[in-house]
């Protein structure tokens, strides 16, 4: 179990990082309009897809594939439940989807959601 001091330090680091990211984003917005357009442009065929939360046995992979011939640009997963732990979140070997794996201490199953950012 983390100490309150370690948890507070971790929270401070996260908050500081969020502040830096917000400042960096503000600087991009105030850049020349041509630069701002380039930063906010989405790739052709951009689509966010997801597998909603479903309880699966601990360590069972949930795999989400991009529709059609789209490729995955990134993704993530979420483990839900008491003492749920996300064990893995990574792309499929063929580059067309995303995998999420989790477990839950004291239970035989865990809720897993998977998200993928896809494009042509």
C-alpha atoms as a PDB file:
ATOM      1  CA  UNK A   1       0.000   0.000   0.000  1.00  0.00           C
ATOM      2  CA  UNK A   2       1.387   3.429  -0.926  1.00  0.00           C
ATOM      3  CA  UNK A   3       1.990   5.930   1.797  1.00  0.00           C
ATOM      4  CA  UNK A   4       0.044   9.180   1.798  1.00  0.00           C
ATOM      5  CA  UNK A   5       3.302  10.997   1.091  1.00  0.00           C
ATOM      6  CA  UNK A   6       4.051   8.830  -1.998  1.00  0.00           C
ATOM      7  CA  UNK A   7       0.475   9.217  -3.244  1.00  0.00           C
ATOM      8  CA  UNK A   8       0.622  12.989  -2.767  1.00  0.00           C
ATOM      9  CA  UNK A   9       3.943  13.134  -4.628  1.00  0.00           C
ATOM     10  CA  UNK A  10       2.535  11.071  -7.516  1.00  0.00           C
ATOM     11  CA  UNK A  11      -0.526  13.325  -7.667  1.00  0.00           C
ATOM     12  CA  UNK A  12       1.721  16.413  -7.673  1.00  0.00           C
ATOM     13  CA  UNK A  13       3.722  15.000 -10.597  1.00  0.00           C
ATOM     14  CA  UNK A  14       0.527  14.227 -12.549  1.00  0.00           C
ATOM     15  CA  UNK A  15      -0.916  17.700 -11.880  1.00  0.00           C
ATOM     16  CA  UNK A  16       2.376  19.380 -12.813  1.00  0.00           C
ATOM     17  CA  UNK A  17       2.515  17.366 -16.044  1.00  0.00           C
ATOM     18  CA  UNK A  18      -1.076  18.330 -16.864  1.00  0.00           C
ATOM     19  CA  UNK A  19      -0.237  22.000 -16.293  1.00  0.00           C
ATOM     20  CA  UNK A  20       2.772  21.764 -18.628  1.00  0.00           C
ATOM     21  CA  UNK A  21       0.670  20.024 -21.282  1.00  0.00           C
ATOM     22  CA  UNK A  22      -2.018  22.710 -20.976  1.00  0.00           C
ATOM     23  CA  UNK A  23       0.589  25.448 -21.319  1.00  0.00           C
ATOM     24  CA  UNK A  24       2.083  23.731 -24.374  1.00  0.00           C
ATOM     25  CA  UNK A  25      -1.382  23.359 -25.924  1.00  0.00           C
ATOM     26  CA  UNK A  26      -2.117  27.054 -25.252  1.00  0.00           C
ATOM     27  CA  UNK A  27       1.102  27.989 -27.036  1.00  0.00           C
ATOM     28  CA  UNK A  28       0.058  25.923 -30.066  1.00  0.00           C
ATOM     29  CA  UNK A  29      -3.339  27.617 -30.205  1.00  0.00           C
ATOM     30  CA  UNK A  30      -1.722  31.071 -30.142  1.00  0.00           C
ATOM     31  CA  UNK A  31       0.611  30.081 -33.022  1.00  0.00           C
ATOM     32  CA  UNK A  32       0.016  31.258 -36.577  1.00  0.00           C
ATOM     33  CA  UNK A  33      -3.319  30.040 -38.026  1.00  0.00           C
ATOM     34  CA  UNK A  34      -1.569  27.809 -40.608  1.00  0.00           C
ATOM     35  CA  UNK A  35       0.295  26.002 -37.824  1.00  0.00           C
ATOM     36  CA  UNK A  36      -2.834  25.591 -35.692  1.00  0.00           C
ATOM     37  CA  UNK A  37      -4.674  24.071 -38.671  1.00  0.00           C
ATOM     38  CA  UNK A  38      -1.867  21.571 -39.243  1.00  0.00           C
ATOM     39  CA  UNK A  39      -1.890  20.544 -35.562  1.00  0.00           C
ATOM     40  CA  UNK A  40      -5.667  20.006 -35.384  1.00  0.00           C
ATOM     41  CA  UNK A  41      -6.100  18.279 -38.775  1.00  0.00           C
ATOM     42  CA  UNK A  42      -7.211  14.646 -38.468  1.00  0.00           C
ATOM     43  CA  UNK A  43      -5.791  11.908 -40.698  1.00  0.00           C
ATOM     44  CA  UNK A  44      -7.982  10.671 -43.573  1.00  0.00           C
ATOM     45  CA  UNK A  45     -10.653   8.233 -42.416  1.00  0.00           C
ATOM     46  CA  UNK A  46     -10.082   9.010 -38.693  1.00  0.00           C
ATOM     47  CA  UNK A  47     -12.439   7.016 -36.468  1.00  0.00           C
ATOM     48  CA  UNK A  48     -12.547   6.266 -32.744  1.00  0.00           C
ATOM     49  CA  UNK A  49     -13.950   2.790 -32.018  1.00  0.00           C
ATOM     50  CA  UNK A  50     -14.553   1.018 -28.716  1.00  0.00           C
ATOM     51  CA  UNK A  51     -15.563  -2.210 -27.045  1.00  0.00           C
ATOM     52  CA  UNK A  52     -17.749  -1.234 -24.084  1.00  0.00           C
ATOM     53  CA  UNK A  53     -17.079  -2.651 -20.635  1.00  0.00           C
ATOM     54  CA  UNK A  54     -17.738  -6.395 -20.289  1.00  0.00           C
ATOM     55  CA  UNK A  55     -16.737  -8.733 -17.474  1.00  0.00           C
ATOM     56  CA  UNK A  56     -14.306 -11.400 -18.676  1.00  0.00           C
ATOM     57  CA  UNK A  57     -12.172 -13.957 -16.804  1.00  0.00           C
ATOM     58  CA  UNK A  58      -8.939 -12.580 -15.358  1.00  0.00           C
ATOM     59  CA  UNK A  59      -6.146 -12.349 -17.968  1.00  0.00           C
ATOM     60  CA  UNK A  60      -8.500 -12.946 -20.923  1.00  0.00           C
ATOM     61  CA  UNK A  61      -7.657 -10.713 -23.875  1.00  0.00           C
ATOM     62  CA  UNK A  62     -10.307  -8.435 -25.338  1.00  0.00           C
ATOM     63  CA  UNK A  63      -9.411  -7.496 -28.901  1.00  0.00           C
ATOM     64  CA  UNK A  64     -10.904  -4.634 -30.907  1.00  0.00           C
ATOM     65  CA  UNK A  65     -10.272  -4.338 -34.661  1.00  0.00           C
ATOM     66  CA  UNK A  66     -10.526  -1.245 -36.842  1.00  0.00           C
ATOM     67  CA  UNK A  67     -13.345  -1.404 -39.395  1.00  0.00           C
ATOM     68  CA  UNK A  68     -12.622  -2.233 -43.041  1.00  0.00           C
ATOM     69  CA  UNK A  69      -9.027  -1.723 -44.159  1.00  0.00           C
ATOM     70  CA  UNK A  70      -8.253   0.938 -41.534  1.00  0.00           C
ATOM     71  CA  UNK A  71      -5.094   0.686 -39.421  1.00  0.00           C
ATOM     72  CA  UNK A  72      -4.761   1.474 -35.718  1.00  0.00           C
ATOM     73  CA  UNK A  73      -2.905   4.684 -34.834  1.00  0.00           C
ATOM     74  CA  UNK A  74      -3.201   4.215 -31.073  1.00  0.00           C
ATOM     75  CA  UNK A  75      -5.493   2.967 -28.396  1.00  0.00           C
ATOM     76  CA  UNK A  76      -6.014   2.074 -24.793  1.00  0.00           C
ATOM     77  CA  UNK A  77      -7.933  -0.075 -22.370  1.00  0.00           C
ATOM     78  CA  UNK A  78      -9.560   0.284 -18.970  1.00  0.00           C
ATOM     79  CA  UNK A  79      -9.960  -2.261 -16.179  1.00  0.00           C
ATOM     80  CA  UNK A  80     -13.030  -1.695 -13.999  1.00  0.00           C
ATOM     81  CA  UNK A  81     -13.978  -3.169 -10.633  1.00  0.00           C
ATOM     82  CA  UNK A  82     -12.798  -3.275  -7.028  1.00  0.00           C
ATOM     83  CA  UNK A  83      -9.028  -3.634  -7.078  1.00  0.00           C
ATOM     84  CA  UNK A  84      -9.054  -4.008 -10.880  1.00  0.00           C
ATOM     85  CA  UNK A  85      -5.655  -3.855 -12.552  1.00  0.00           C
ATOM     86  CA  UNK A  86      -4.956  -3.230 -16.228  1.00  0.00           C
ATOM     87  CA  UNK A  87      -2.289  -5.797 -17.090  1.00  0.00           C
ATOM     88  CA  UNK A  88      -1.782  -4.948 -20.767  1.00  0.00           C
ATOM     89  CA  UNK A  89      -2.839  -2.461 -23.430  1.00  0.00           C
ATOM     90  CA  UNK A  90      -1.125  -2.803 -26.804  1.00  0.00           C
ATOM     91  CA  UNK A  91      -1.700  -3.037 -30.585  1.00  0.00           C
ATOM     92  CA  UNK A  92      -2.362  -6.302 -32.397  1.00  0.00           C
ATOM     93  CA  UNK A  93       0.569  -7.816 -34.311  1.00  0.00           C
ATOM     94  CA  UNK A  94      -1.040  -6.984 -37.674  1.00  0.00           C
ATOM     95  CA  UNK A  95      -1.511  -3.288 -36.777  1.00  0.00           C
ATOM     96  CA  UNK A  96      -5.280  -3.421 -37.302  1.00  0.00           C
ATOM     97  CA  UNK A  97      -6.523  -3.385 -33.699  1.00  0.00           C
ATOM     98  CA  UNK A  98      -5.942  -2.992 -29.969  1.00  0.00           C
ATOM     99  CA  UNK A  99      -5.829  -5.505 -27.095  1.00  0.00           C
ATOM    100  CA  UNK A 100      -6.727  -5.005 -23.431  1.00  0.00           C
ATOM    101  CA  UNK A 101      -5.966  -7.449 -20.593  1.00  0.00           C
ATOM    102  CA  UNK A 102      -6.771  -7.098 -16.895  1.00  0.00           C
ATOM    103  CA  UNK A 103      -7.326  -8.849 -13.619  1.00  0.00           C
ATOM    104  CA  UNK A 104      -9.107  -8.142 -10.354  1.00  0.00           C
ATOM    105  CA  UNK A 105      -7.720  -9.154  -6.959  1.00  0.00           C
ATOM    106  CA  UNK A 106     -10.116 -11.376  -5.037  1.00  0.00           C
ATOM    107  CA  UNK A 107     -12.389 -12.027  -8.038  1.00  0.00           C
ATOM    108  CA  UNK A 108     -12.268 -14.438 -10.978  1.00  0.00           C
ATOM    109  CA  UNK A 109     -13.286 -11.798 -13.523  1.00  0.00           C
ATOM    110  CA  UNK A 110     -12.725  -8.136 -14.384  1.00  0.00           C
ATOM    111  CA  UNK A 111     -14.481  -5.486 -16.471  1.00  0.00           C
ATOM    112  CA  UNK A 112     -12.465  -4.495 -19.547  1.00  0.00           C
ATOM    113  CA  UNK A 113     -13.145  -1.717 -22.086  1.00  0.00           C
ATOM    114  CA  UNK A 114     -10.948  -1.283 -25.179  1.00  0.00           C
ATOM    115  CA  UNK A 115     -10.496   1.811 -27.381  1.00  0.00           C
ATOM    116  CA  UNK A 116      -8.761   2.252 -30.746  1.00  0.00           C
ATOM    117  CA  UNK A 117      -7.961   5.255 -32.907  1.00  0.00           C
ATOM    118  CA  UNK A 118      -8.200   4.147 -36.523  1.00  0.00           C
ATOM    119  CA  UNK A 119      -7.487   5.783 -39.894  1.00  0.00           C
ATOM    120  CA  UNK A 120      -7.098   4.891 -43.583  1.00  0.00           C
END
